Amino acid sequence: MLQALGLGATALAVAGIAAPLLPTTPFLLVAVWAFARSSPRLEAWLRGHPRLGPPLRAWEERRAIPRGAKAVAVASLPLSGLMIHAAGAGLAVTIAAGLALACTGGWILTRPS
């Protein structure tokens, strides 16, 4: 079960490399957590991967988010808010989502690069 979770999270992380609105690092963190408990071989592969390993190491060692990932994440937050509004969400939901997105952006910007 955990190995399947890790594989699914890895697939979403890989998709996130190409899709700017899909985050990569959170899915990598889920994948490495799941692999650490289910498959040491896949955990080692993920940590050693030339494209997927560096963001993991940066987060684990310094709680850092790469500058490019920060820029994409913060730029996508207003777009997410507009999509929520355009989907017809009520005023309270739109305001709550906007506040959550603003807090998320602030948190991302305060992490080291």
PDB file of N, CA and C in Angstrom:
ATOM      1  N   MET A   1       0.821  -1.188   0.000  1.00  0.00           N
ATOM      2  CA  MET A   1       0.000   0.000   0.000  1.00  0.00           C
ATOM      3  C   MET A   1       0.875   1.266   0.000  1.00  0.00           C
ATOM      4  N   LEU A   2       1.879   1.298   0.884  1.00  0.00           N
ATOM      5  CA  LEU A   2       2.759   2.472   0.940  1.00  0.00           C
ATOM      6  C   LEU A   2       3.604   2.593  -0.323  1.00  0.00           C
ATOM      7  N   GLN A   3       3.996   1.458  -0.884  1.00  0.00           N
ATOM      8  CA  GLN A   3       4.782   1.505  -2.114  1.00  0.00           C
ATOM      9  C   GLN A   3       3.931   2.090  -3.247  1.00  0.00           C
ATOM     10  N   ALA A   4       2.664   1.716  -3.318  1.00  0.00           N
ATOM     11  CA  ALA A   4       1.769   2.274  -4.335  1.00  0.00           C
ATOM     12  C   ALA A   4       1.590   3.779  -4.124  1.00  0.00           C
ATOM     13  N   LEU A   5       1.459   4.196  -2.870  1.00  0.00           N
ATOM     14  CA  LEU A   5       1.370   5.629  -2.561  1.00  0.00           C
ATOM     15  C   LEU A   5       2.628   6.349  -3.034  1.00  0.00           C
ATOM     16  N   GLY A   6       3.793   5.760  -2.767  1.00  0.00           N
ATOM     17  CA  GLY A   6       5.054   6.357  -3.192  1.00  0.00           C
ATOM     18  C   GLY A   6       5.162   6.470  -4.697  1.00  0.00           C
ATOM     19  N   LEU A   7       4.744   5.427  -5.394  1.00  0.00           N
ATOM     20  CA  LEU A   7       4.801   5.456  -6.858  1.00  0.00           C
ATOM     21  C   LEU A   7       3.841   6.506  -7.423  1.00  0.00           C
ATOM     22  N   GLY A   8       2.644   6.587  -6.855  1.00  0.00           N
ATOM     23  CA  GLY A   8       1.689   7.597  -7.305  1.00  0.00           C
ATOM     24  C   GLY A   8       2.191   9.006  -7.043  1.00  0.00           C
ATOM     25  N   ALA A   9       2.759   9.217  -5.864  1.00  0.00           N
ATOM     26  CA  ALA A   9       3.296  10.539  -5.530  1.00  0.00           C
ATOM     27  C   ALA A   9       4.475  10.890  -6.433  1.00  0.00           C
ATOM     28  N   THR A  10       5.300   9.900  -6.749  1.00  0.00           N
ATOM     29  CA  THR A  10       6.423  10.145  -7.661  1.00  0.00           C
ATOM     30  C   THR A  10       5.908  10.530  -9.041  1.00  0.00           C
ATOM     31  N   ALA A  11       4.874   9.850  -9.510  1.00  0.00           N
ATOM     32  CA  ALA A  11       4.291  10.181 -10.817  1.00  0.00           C
ATOM     33  C   ALA A  11       3.758  11.612 -10.824  1.00  0.00           C
ATOM     34  N   LEU A  12       3.093  12.014  -9.751  1.00  0.00           N
ATOM     35  CA  LEU A  12       2.591  13.390  -9.674  1.00  0.00           C
ATOM     36  C   LEU A  12       3.735  14.396  -9.595  1.00  0.00           C
ATOM     37  N   ALA A  13       4.814  14.044  -8.901  1.00  0.00           N
ATOM     38  CA  ALA A  13       5.978  14.931  -8.824  1.00  0.00           C
ATOM     39  C   ALA A  13       6.599  15.117 -10.206  1.00  0.00           C
ATOM     40  N   VAL A  14       6.716  14.028 -10.958  1.00  0.00           N
ATOM     41  CA  VAL A  14       7.275  14.111 -12.312  1.00  0.00           C
ATOM     42  C   VAL A  14       6.363  14.964 -13.193  1.00  0.00           C
ATOM     43  N   ALA A  15       5.053  14.785 -13.062  1.00  0.00           N
ATOM     44  CA  ALA A  15       4.116  15.617 -13.824  1.00  0.00           C
ATOM     45  C   ALA A  15       4.256  17.081 -13.418  1.00  0.00           C
ATOM     46  N   GLY A  16       4.548  17.326 -12.148  1.00  0.00           N
ATOM     47  CA  GLY A  16       4.709  18.688 -11.654  1.00  0.00           C
ATOM     48  C   GLY A  16       5.911  19.406 -12.232  1.00  0.00           C
ATOM     49  N   ILE A  17       6.884  18.655 -12.723  1.00  0.00           N
ATOM     50  CA  ILE A  17       8.043  19.283 -13.367  1.00  0.00           C
ATOM     51  C   ILE A  17       7.592  20.010 -14.628  1.00  0.00           C
ATOM     52  N   ALA A  18       6.653  19.413 -15.361  1.00  0.00           N
ATOM     53  CA  ALA A  18       6.192  19.998 -16.618  1.00  0.00           C
ATOM     54  C   ALA A  18       4.978  20.906 -16.446  1.00  0.00           C
ATOM     55  N   ALA A  19       4.161  20.656 -15.433  1.00  0.00           N
ATOM     56  CA  ALA A  19       2.931  21.432 -15.235  1.00  0.00           C
ATOM     57  C   ALA A  19       3.149  22.463 -14.131  1.00  0.00           C
ATOM     58  N   PRO A  20       3.177  23.737 -14.477  1.00  0.00           N
ATOM     59  CA  PRO A  20       3.520  24.760 -13.494  1.00  0.00           C
ATOM     60  C   PRO A  20       2.567  24.853 -12.303  1.00  0.00           C
ATOM     61  N   LEU A  21       1.323  24.465 -12.439  1.00  0.00           N
ATOM     62  CA  LEU A  21       0.380  24.583 -11.329  1.00  0.00           C
ATOM     63  C   LEU A  21       0.399  23.369 -10.409  1.00  0.00           C
ATOM     64  N   LEU A  22       1.153  22.353 -10.772  1.00  0.00           N
ATOM     65  CA  LEU A  22       1.232  21.138  -9.962  1.00  0.00           C
ATOM     66  C   LEU A  22       2.567  21.149  -9.216  1.00  0.00           C
ATOM     67  N   PRO A  23       2.541  21.134  -7.890  1.00  0.00           N
ATOM     68  CA  PRO A  23       3.801  21.205  -7.137  1.00  0.00           C
ATOM     69  C   PRO A  23       4.599  19.911  -7.262  1.00  0.00           C
ATOM     70  N   THR A  24       5.897  20.012  -7.140  1.00  0.00           N
ATOM     71  CA  THR A  24       6.765  18.842  -7.226  1.00  0.00           C
ATOM     72  C   THR A  24       7.228  18.388  -5.852  1.00  0.00           C
ATOM     73  N   THR A  25       7.797  19.290  -5.081  1.00  0.00           N
ATOM     74  CA  THR A  25       8.431  18.914  -3.811  1.00  0.00           C
ATOM     75  C   THR A  25       7.481  18.252  -2.820  1.00  0.00           C
ATOM     76  N   PRO A  26       6.251  18.742  -2.618  1.00  0.00           N
ATOM     77  CA  PRO A  26       5.387  18.041  -1.653  1.00  0.00           C
ATOM     78  C   PRO A  26       5.137  16.586  -2.034  1.00  0.00           C
ATOM     79  N   PHE A  27       4.978  16.326  -3.324  1.00  0.00           N
ATOM     80  CA  PHE A  27       4.770  14.943  -3.762  1.00  0.00           C
ATOM     81  C   PHE A  27       6.039  14.112  -3.561  1.00  0.00           C
ATOM     82  N   LEU A  28       7.207  14.734  -3.766  1.00  0.00           N
ATOM     83  CA  LEU A  28       8.458  14.021  -3.503  1.00  0.00           C
ATOM     84  C   LEU A  28       8.587  13.670  -2.026  1.00  0.00           C
ATOM     85  N   LEU A  29       8.178  14.580  -1.156  1.00  0.00           N
ATOM     86  CA  LEU A  29       8.253  14.318   0.283  1.00  0.00           C
ATOM     87  C   LEU A  29       7.337  13.164   0.679  1.00  0.00           C
ATOM     88  N   VAL A  30       6.141  13.126   0.103  1.00  0.00           N
ATOM     89  CA  VAL A  30       5.232  12.002   0.371  1.00  0.00           C
ATOM     90  C   VAL A  30       5.846  10.707  -0.152  1.00  0.00           C
ATOM     91  N   ALA A  31       6.412  10.764  -1.354  1.00  0.00           N
ATOM     92  CA  ALA A  31       6.998   9.564  -1.956  1.00  0.00           C
ATOM     93  C   ALA A  31       8.163   9.033  -1.130  1.00  0.00           C
ATOM     94  N   VAL A  32       9.070   9.901  -0.720  1.00  0.00           N
ATOM     95  CA  VAL A  32      10.233   9.429   0.036  1.00  0.00           C
ATOM     96  C   VAL A  32       9.802   8.899   1.405  1.00  0.00           C
ATOM     97  N   TRP A  33       8.789   9.503   2.004  1.00  0.00           N
ATOM     98  CA  TRP A  33       8.247   9.002   3.274  1.00  0.00           C
ATOM     99  C   TRP A  33       7.676   7.593   3.089  1.00  0.00           C
ATOM    100  N   ALA A  34       6.883   7.420   2.036  1.00  0.00           N
ATOM    101  CA  ALA A  34       6.271   6.113   1.786  1.00  0.00           C
ATOM    102  C   ALA A  34       7.329   5.069   1.443  1.00  0.00           C
ATOM    103  N   PHE A  35       8.301   5.436   0.624  1.00  0.00           N
ATOM    104  CA  PHE A  35       9.353   4.484   0.254  1.00  0.00           C
ATOM    105  C   PHE A  35      10.232   4.131   1.450  1.00  0.00           C
ATOM    106  N   ALA A  36      10.463   5.073   2.350  1.00  0.00           N
ATOM    107  CA  ALA A  36      11.285   4.797   3.536  1.00  0.00           C
ATOM    108  C   ALA A  36      10.647   3.708   4.387  1.00  0.00           C
ATOM    109  N   ARG A  37       9.335   3.575   4.306  1.00  0.00           N
ATOM    110  CA  ARG A  37       8.620   2.583   5.102  1.00  0.00           C
ATOM    111  C   ARG A  37       8.274   1.316   4.328  1.00  0.00           C
ATOM    112  N   SER A  38       8.494   1.330   3.003  1.00  0.00           N
ATOM    113  CA  SER A  38       8.069   0.172   2.219  1.00  0.00           C
ATOM    114  C   SER A  38       9.129  -0.385   1.276  1.00  0.00           C
ATOM    115  N   SER A  39      10.041   0.451   0.791  1.00  0.00           N
ATOM    116  CA  SER A  39      11.007  -0.017  -0.203  1.00  0.00           C
ATOM    117  C   SER A  39      12.304   0.792  -0.123  1.00  0.00           C
ATOM    118  N   PRO A  40      13.283   0.297   0.632  1.00  0.00           N
ATOM    119  CA  PRO A  40      14.567   1.004   0.701  1.00  0.00           C
ATOM    120  C   PRO A  40      15.207   1.201  -0.676  1.00  0.00           C
ATOM    121  N   ARG A  41      14.971   0.267  -1.587  1.00  0.00           N
ATOM    122  CA  ARG A  41      15.535   0.376  -2.933  1.00  0.00           C
ATOM    123  C   ARG A  41      14.951   1.589  -3.661  1.00  0.00           C
ATOM    124  N   LEU A  42      13.634   1.768  -3.607  1.00  0.00           N
ATOM    125  CA  LEU A  42      13.015   2.919  -4.267  1.00  0.00           C
ATOM    126  C   LEU A  42      13.351   4.229  -3.552  1.00  0.00           C
ATOM    127  N   GLU A  43      13.483   4.179  -2.238  1.00  0.00           N
ATOM    128  CA  GLU A  43      13.898   5.381  -1.504  1.00  0.00           C
ATOM    129  C   GLU A  43      15.288   5.820  -1.958  1.00  0.00           C
ATOM    130  N   ALA A  44      16.214   4.867  -2.060  1.00  0.00           N
ATOM    131  CA  ALA A  44      17.577   5.187  -2.504  1.00  0.00           C
ATOM    132  C   ALA A  44      17.567   5.715  -3.939  1.00  0.00           C
ATOM    133  N   TRP A  45      16.742   5.113  -4.792  1.00  0.00           N
ATOM    134  CA  TRP A  45      16.647   5.570  -6.176  1.00  0.00           C
ATOM    135  C   TRP A  45      16.158   7.016  -6.225  1.00  0.00           C
ATOM    136  N   LEU A  46      15.109   7.312  -5.459  1.00  0.00           N
ATOM    137  CA  LEU A  46      14.542   8.660  -5.469  1.00  0.00           C
ATOM    138  C   LEU A  46      15.538   9.683  -4.936  1.00  0.00           C
ATOM    139  N   ARG A  47      16.193   9.359  -3.841  1.00  0.00           N
ATOM    140  CA  ARG A  47      17.174  10.285  -3.258  1.00  0.00           C
ATOM    141  C   ARG A  47      18.369  10.504  -4.188  1.00  0.00           C
ATOM    142  N   GLY A  48      18.732   9.484  -4.962  1.00  0.00           N
ATOM    143  CA  GLY A  48      19.885   9.589  -5.850  1.00  0.00           C
ATOM    144  C   GLY A  48      19.563  10.081  -7.249  1.00  0.00           C
ATOM    145  N   HIS A  49      18.287  10.266  -7.553  1.00  0.00           N
ATOM    146  CA  HIS A  49      17.886  10.683  -8.897  1.00  0.00           C
ATOM    147  C   HIS A  49      18.430  12.083  -9.190  1.00  0.00           C
ATOM    148  N   PRO A  50      19.014  12.292 -10.386  1.00  0.00           N
ATOM    149  CA  PRO A  50      19.634  13.589 -10.680  1.00  0.00           C
ATOM    150  C   PRO A  50      18.646  14.760 -10.729  1.00  0.00           C
ATOM    151  N   ARG A  51      17.411  14.526 -11.072  1.00  0.00           N
ATOM    152  CA  ARG A  51      16.426  15.616 -11.165  1.00  0.00           C
ATOM    153  C   ARG A  51      15.540  15.705  -9.914  1.00  0.00           C
ATOM    154  N   LEU A  52      15.205  14.560  -9.333  1.00  0.00           N
ATOM    155  CA  LEU A  52      14.281  14.536  -8.197  1.00  0.00           C
ATOM    156  C   LEU A  52      14.988  14.594  -6.848  1.00  0.00           C
ATOM    157  N   GLY A  53      16.225  14.146  -6.787  1.00  0.00           N
ATOM    158  CA  GLY A  53      16.960  14.117  -5.526  1.00  0.00           C
ATOM    159  C   GLY A  53      17.329  15.483  -4.962  1.00  0.00           C
ATOM    160  N   PRO A  54      17.821  16.428  -5.775  1.00  0.00           N
ATOM    161  CA  PRO A  54      18.239  17.725  -5.231  1.00  0.00           C
ATOM    162  C   PRO A  54      17.148  18.500  -4.479  1.00  0.00           C
ATOM    163  N   PRO A  55      15.903  18.581  -4.986  1.00  0.00           N
ATOM    164  CA  PRO A  55      14.896  19.289  -4.185  1.00  0.00           C
ATOM    165  C   PRO A  55      14.624  18.602  -2.844  1.00  0.00           C
ATOM    166  N   LEU A  56      14.690  17.281  -2.834  1.00  0.00           N
ATOM    167  CA  LEU A  56      14.516  16.543  -1.574  1.00  0.00           C
ATOM    168  C   LEU A  56      15.617  16.891  -0.588  1.00  0.00           C
ATOM    169  N   ARG A  57      16.849  16.849  -1.072  1.00  0.00           N
ATOM    170  CA  ARG A  57      17.980  17.154  -0.187  1.00  0.00           C
ATOM    171  C   ARG A  57      17.912  18.594   0.319  1.00  0.00           C
ATOM    172  N   ALA A  58      17.555  19.531  -0.560  1.00  0.00           N
ATOM    173  CA  ALA A  58      17.463  20.942  -0.151  1.00  0.00           C
ATOM    174  C   ALA A  58      16.423  21.110   0.953  1.00  0.00           C
ATOM    175  N   TRP A  59      15.292  20.431   0.820  1.00  0.00           N
ATOM    176  CA  TRP A  59      14.257  20.550   1.841  1.00  0.00           C
ATOM    177  C   TRP A  59      14.697  19.886   3.142  1.00  0.00           C
ATOM    178  N   GLU A  60      15.246  18.688   3.041  1.00  0.00           N
ATOM    179  CA  GLU A  60      15.621  17.951   4.250  1.00  0.00           C
ATOM    180  C   GLU A  60      16.788  18.598   4.997  1.00  0.00           C
ATOM    181  N   GLU A  61      17.728  19.188   4.273  1.00  0.00           N
ATOM    182  CA  GLU A  61      18.912  19.766   4.915  1.00  0.00           C
ATOM    183  C   GLU A  61      18.684  21.195   5.402  1.00  0.00           C
ATOM    184  N   ARG A  62      17.970  22.008   4.607  1.00  0.00           N
ATOM    185  CA  ARG A  62      17.849  23.432   4.938  1.00  0.00           C
ATOM    186  C   ARG A  62      16.417  23.936   4.962  1.00  0.00           C
ATOM    187  N   ARG A  63      15.454  23.036   4.741  1.00  0.00           N
ATOM    188  CA  ARG A  63      14.051  23.445   4.605  1.00  0.00           C
ATOM    189  C   ARG A  63      13.932  24.526   3.527  1.00  0.00           C
ATOM    190  N   ALA A  64      14.685  24.329   2.442  1.00  0.00           N
ATOM    191  CA  ALA A  64      14.762  25.320   1.369  1.00  0.00           C
ATOM    192  C   ALA A  64      13.892  24.912   0.184  1.00  0.00           C
ATOM    193  N   ILE A  65      13.363  25.924  -0.491  1.00  0.00           N
ATOM    194  CA  ILE A  65      12.600  25.738  -1.717  1.00  0.00           C
ATOM    195  C   ILE A  65      13.383  26.443  -2.820  1.00  0.00           C
ATOM    196  N   PRO A  66      13.693  25.749  -3.924  1.00  0.00           N
ATOM    197  CA  PRO A  66      14.454  26.395  -4.999  1.00  0.00           C
ATOM    198  C   PRO A  66      13.759  27.669  -5.496  1.00  0.00           C
ATOM    199  N   ARG A  67      14.558  28.655  -5.854  1.00  0.00           N
ATOM    200  CA  ARG A  67      14.043  29.965  -6.262  1.00  0.00           C
ATOM    201  C   ARG A  67      13.024  29.852  -7.399  1.00  0.00           C
ATOM    202  N   GLY A  68      13.319  29.040  -8.395  1.00  0.00           N
ATOM    203  CA  GLY A  68      12.386  28.880  -9.518  1.00  0.00           C
ATOM    204  C   GLY A  68      11.059  28.280  -9.083  1.00  0.00           C
ATOM    205  N   ALA A  69      11.123  27.306  -8.192  1.00  0.00           N
ATOM    206  CA  ALA A  69       9.892  26.689  -7.686  1.00  0.00           C
ATOM    207  C   ALA A  69       9.080  27.697  -6.885  1.00  0.00           C
ATOM    208  N   LYS A  70       9.780  28.539  -6.129  1.00  0.00           N
ATOM    209  CA  LYS A  70       9.083  29.592  -5.376  1.00  0.00           C
ATOM    210  C   LYS A  70       8.341  30.524  -6.327  1.00  0.00           C
ATOM    211  N   ALA A  71       9.032  30.951  -7.373  1.00  0.00           N
ATOM    212  CA  ALA A  71       8.436  31.895  -8.317  1.00  0.00           C
ATOM    213  C   ALA A  71       7.189  31.303  -8.965  1.00  0.00           C
ATOM    214  N   VAL A  72       7.282  30.064  -9.404  1.00  0.00           N
ATOM    215  CA  VAL A  72       6.134  29.418 -10.043  1.00  0.00           C
ATOM    216  C   VAL A  72       4.994  29.250  -9.045  1.00  0.00           C
ATOM    217  N   ALA A  73       5.323  28.808  -7.842  1.00  0.00           N
ATOM    218  CA  ALA A  73       4.286  28.583  -6.829  1.00  0.00           C
ATOM    219  C   ALA A  73       3.570  29.880  -6.478  1.00  0.00           C
ATOM    220  N   VAL A  74       4.335  30.928  -6.213  1.00  0.00           N
ATOM    221  CA  VAL A  74       3.724  32.197  -5.808  1.00  0.00           C
ATOM    222  C   VAL A  74       2.942  32.813  -6.968  1.00  0.00           C
ATOM    223  N   ALA A  75       3.446  32.679  -8.188  1.00  0.00           N
ATOM    224  CA  ALA A  75       2.728  33.215  -9.346  1.00  0.00           C
ATOM    225  C   ALA A  75       1.429  32.456  -9.604  1.00  0.00           C
ATOM    226  N   SER A  76       1.390  31.184  -9.257  1.00  0.00           N
ATOM    227  CA  SER A  76       0.184  30.396  -9.516  1.00  0.00           C
ATOM    228  C   SER A  76      -0.907  30.616  -8.467  1.00  0.00           C
ATOM    229  N   LEU A  77      -0.562  31.175  -7.321  1.00  0.00           N
ATOM    230  CA  LEU A  77      -1.556  31.364  -6.262  1.00  0.00           C
ATOM    231  C   LEU A  77      -2.697  32.302  -6.676  1.00  0.00           C
ATOM    232  N   PRO A  78      -2.409  33.469  -7.246  1.00  0.00           N
ATOM    233  CA  PRO A  78      -3.532  34.322  -7.684  1.00  0.00           C
ATOM    234  C   PRO A  78      -4.382  33.649  -8.766  1.00  0.00           C
ATOM    235  N   LEU A  79      -3.734  32.905  -9.653  1.00  0.00           N
ATOM    236  CA  LEU A  79      -4.477  32.180 -10.683  1.00  0.00           C
ATOM    237  C   LEU A  79      -5.420  31.167 -10.043  1.00  0.00           C
ATOM    238  N   SER A  80      -4.946  30.497  -9.013  1.00  0.00           N
ATOM    239  CA  SER A  80      -5.801  29.548  -8.296  1.00  0.00           C
ATOM    240  C   SER A  80      -6.995  30.261  -7.676  1.00  0.00           C
ATOM    241  N   GLY A  81      -6.753  31.424  -7.093  1.00  0.00           N
ATOM    242  CA  GLY A  81      -7.844  32.207  -6.517  1.00  0.00           C
ATOM    243  C   GLY A  81      -8.866  32.625  -7.566  1.00  0.00           C
ATOM    244  N   LEU A  82      -8.376  33.039  -8.727  1.00  0.00           N
ATOM    245  CA  LEU A  82      -9.291  33.420  -9.809  1.00  0.00           C
ATOM    246  C   LEU A  82     -10.103  32.230 -10.297  1.00  0.00           C
ATOM    247  N   MET A  83      -9.484  31.069 -10.351  1.00  0.00           N
ATOM    248  CA  MET A  83     -10.204  29.865 -10.779  1.00  0.00           C
ATOM    249  C   MET A  83     -11.302  29.507  -9.777  1.00  0.00           C
ATOM    250  N   ILE A  84     -11.020  29.667  -8.496  1.00  0.00           N
ATOM    251  CA  ILE A  84     -12.033  29.400  -7.466  1.00  0.00           C
ATOM    252  C   ILE A  84     -13.211  30.357  -7.643  1.00  0.00           C
ATOM    253  N   HIS A  85     -12.898  31.623  -7.860  1.00  0.00           N
ATOM    254  CA  HIS A  85     -13.950  32.628  -8.057  1.00  0.00           C
ATOM    255  C   HIS A  85     -14.733  32.342  -9.339  1.00  0.00           C
ATOM    256  N   ALA A  86     -14.030  32.035 -10.432  1.00  0.00           N
ATOM    257  CA  ALA A  86     -14.681  31.773 -11.717  1.00  0.00           C
ATOM    258  C   ALA A  86     -15.548  30.519 -11.672  1.00  0.00           C
ATOM    259  N   ALA A  87     -15.222  29.589 -10.789  1.00  0.00           N
ATOM    260  CA  ALA A  87     -16.011  28.362 -10.671  1.00  0.00           C
ATOM    261  C   ALA A  87     -17.344  28.618  -9.980  1.00  0.00           C
ATOM    262  N   GLY A  88     -17.554  29.840  -9.519  1.00  0.00           N
ATOM    263  CA  GLY A  88     -18.826  30.189  -8.919  1.00  0.00           C
ATOM    264  C   GLY A  88     -18.890  29.994  -7.418  1.00  0.00           C
ATOM    265  N   ALA A  89     -17.738  29.937  -6.783  1.00  0.00           N
ATOM    266  CA  ALA A  89     -17.730  29.795  -5.325  1.00  0.00           C
ATOM    267  C   ALA A  89     -18.367  31.033  -4.699  1.00  0.00           C
ATOM    268  N   GLY A  90     -19.010  30.838  -3.592  1.00  0.00           N
ATOM    269  CA  GLY A  90     -19.633  31.950  -2.883  1.00  0.00           C
ATOM    270  C   GLY A  90     -18.590  32.912  -2.339  1.00  0.00           C
ATOM    271  N   LEU A  91     -19.069  34.061  -1.895  1.00  0.00           N
ATOM    272  CA  LEU A  91     -18.171  35.097  -1.400  1.00  0.00           C
ATOM    273  C   LEU A  91     -17.343  34.611  -0.214  1.00  0.00           C
ATOM    274  N   ALA A  92     -17.969  33.922   0.723  1.00  0.00           N
ATOM    275  CA  ALA A  92     -17.242  33.439   1.907  1.00  0.00           C
ATOM    276  C   ALA A  92     -16.149  32.448   1.514  1.00  0.00           C
ATOM    277  N   VAL A  93     -16.462  31.557   0.587  1.00  0.00           N
ATOM    278  CA  VAL A  93     -15.468  30.571   0.137  1.00  0.00           C
ATOM    279  C   VAL A  93     -14.334  31.275  -0.596  1.00  0.00           C
ATOM    280  N   THR A  94     -14.667  32.227  -1.443  1.00  0.00           N
ATOM    281  CA  THR A  94     -13.644  32.965  -2.190  1.00  0.00           C
ATOM    282  C   THR A  94     -12.722  33.725  -1.239  1.00  0.00           C
ATOM    283  N   ILE A  95     -13.295  34.365  -0.233  1.00  0.00           N
ATOM    284  CA  ILE A  95     -12.478  35.106   0.737  1.00  0.00           C
ATOM    285  C   ILE A  95     -11.609  34.150   1.549  1.00  0.00           C
ATOM    286  N   ALA A  96     -12.197  33.052   2.011  1.00  0.00           N
ATOM    287  CA  ALA A  96     -11.424  32.073   2.791  1.00  0.00           C
ATOM    288  C   ALA A  96     -10.289  31.488   1.958  1.00  0.00           C
ATOM    289  N   ALA A  97     -10.589  31.161   0.708  1.00  0.00           N
ATOM    290  CA  ALA A  97      -9.550  30.617  -0.170  1.00  0.00           C
ATOM    291  C   ALA A  97      -8.469  31.663  -0.424  1.00  0.00           C
ATOM    292  N   GLY A  98      -8.876  32.909  -0.636  1.00  0.00           N
ATOM    293  CA  GLY A  98      -7.901  33.978  -0.847  1.00  0.00           C
ATOM    294  C   GLY A  98      -6.982  34.156   0.349  1.00  0.00           C
ATOM    295  N   LEU A  99      -7.545  34.104   1.547  1.00  0.00           N
ATOM    296  CA  LEU A  99      -6.717  34.210   2.756  1.00  0.00           C
ATOM    297  C   LEU A  99      -5.764  33.022   2.878  1.00  0.00           C
ATOM    298  N   ALA A 100      -6.272  31.827   2.600  1.00  0.00           N
ATOM    299  CA  ALA A 100      -5.415  30.637   2.668  1.00  0.00           C
ATOM    300  C   ALA A 100      -4.291  30.720   1.635  1.00  0.00           C
ATOM    301  N   LEU A 101      -4.623  31.179   0.433  1.00  0.00           N
ATOM    302  CA  LEU A 101      -3.603  31.312  -0.611  1.00  0.00           C
ATOM    303  C   LEU A 101      -2.579  32.382  -0.240  1.00  0.00           C
ATOM    304  N   ALA A 102      -3.034  33.482   0.339  1.00  0.00           N
ATOM    305  CA  ALA A 102      -2.100  34.536   0.762  1.00  0.00           C
ATOM    306  C   ALA A 102      -1.162  34.027   1.854  1.00  0.00           C
ATOM    307  N   CYS A 103      -1.704  33.286   2.802  1.00  0.00           N
ATOM    308  CA  CYS A 103      -0.859  32.711   3.864  1.00  0.00           C
ATOM    309  C   CYS A 103       0.140  31.716   3.286  1.00  0.00           C
ATOM    310  N   THR A 104      -0.321  30.920   2.338  1.00  0.00           N
ATOM    311  CA  THR A 104       0.573  29.960   1.689  1.00  0.00           C
ATOM    312  C   THR A 104       1.701  30.689   0.967  1.00  0.00           C
ATOM    313  N   GLY A 105       1.364  31.746   0.246  1.00  0.00           N
ATOM    314  CA  GLY A 105       2.387  32.530  -0.441  1.00  0.00           C
ATOM    315  C   GLY A 105       3.390  33.131   0.524  1.00  0.00           C
ATOM    316  N   GLY A 106       2.897  33.654   1.630  1.00  0.00           N
ATOM    317  CA  GLY A 106       3.801  34.202   2.643  1.00  0.00           C
ATOM    318  C   GLY A 106       4.726  33.149   3.212  1.00  0.00           C
ATOM    319  N   TRP A 107       4.181  31.969   3.467  1.00  0.00           N
ATOM    320  CA  TRP A 107       5.000  30.882   4.003  1.00  0.00           C
ATOM    321  C   TRP A 107       6.081  30.481   2.992  1.00  0.00           C
ATOM    322  N   ILE A 108       5.696  30.349   1.724  1.00  0.00           N
ATOM    323  CA  ILE A 108       6.658  29.970   0.683  1.00  0.00           C
ATOM    324  C   ILE A 108       7.772  31.010   0.588  1.00  0.00           C
ATOM    325  N   LEU A 109       7.402  32.277   0.592  1.00  0.00           N
ATOM    326  CA  LEU A 109       8.401  33.337   0.440  1.00  0.00           C
ATOM    327  C   LEU A 109       9.354  33.438   1.626  1.00  0.00           C
ATOM    328  N   THR A 110       8.942  32.970   2.786  1.00  0.00           N
ATOM    329  CA  THR A 110       9.825  33.051   3.956  1.00  0.00           C
ATOM    330  C   THR A 110      10.746  31.843   4.097  1.00  0.00           C
ATOM    331  N   ARG A 111      10.621  30.854   3.228  1.00  0.00           N
ATOM    332  CA  ARG A 111      11.552  29.710   3.250  1.00  0.00           C
ATOM    333  C   ARG A 111      12.833  30.114   2.534  1.00  0.00           C
ATOM    334  N   PRO A 112      13.968  29.585   2.966  1.00  0.00           N
ATOM    335  CA  PRO A 112      15.213  29.889   2.247  1.00  0.00           C
ATOM    336  C   PRO A 112      15.210  29.283   0.845  1.00  0.00           C
ATOM    337  N   SER A 113      16.037  29.859  -0.025  1.00  0.00           N
ATOM    338  CA  SER A 113      16.168  29.343  -1.398  1.00  0.00           C
ATOM    339  C   SER A 113      17.376  28.446  -1.503  1.00  0.00           C
TER     340      SER A 113
END
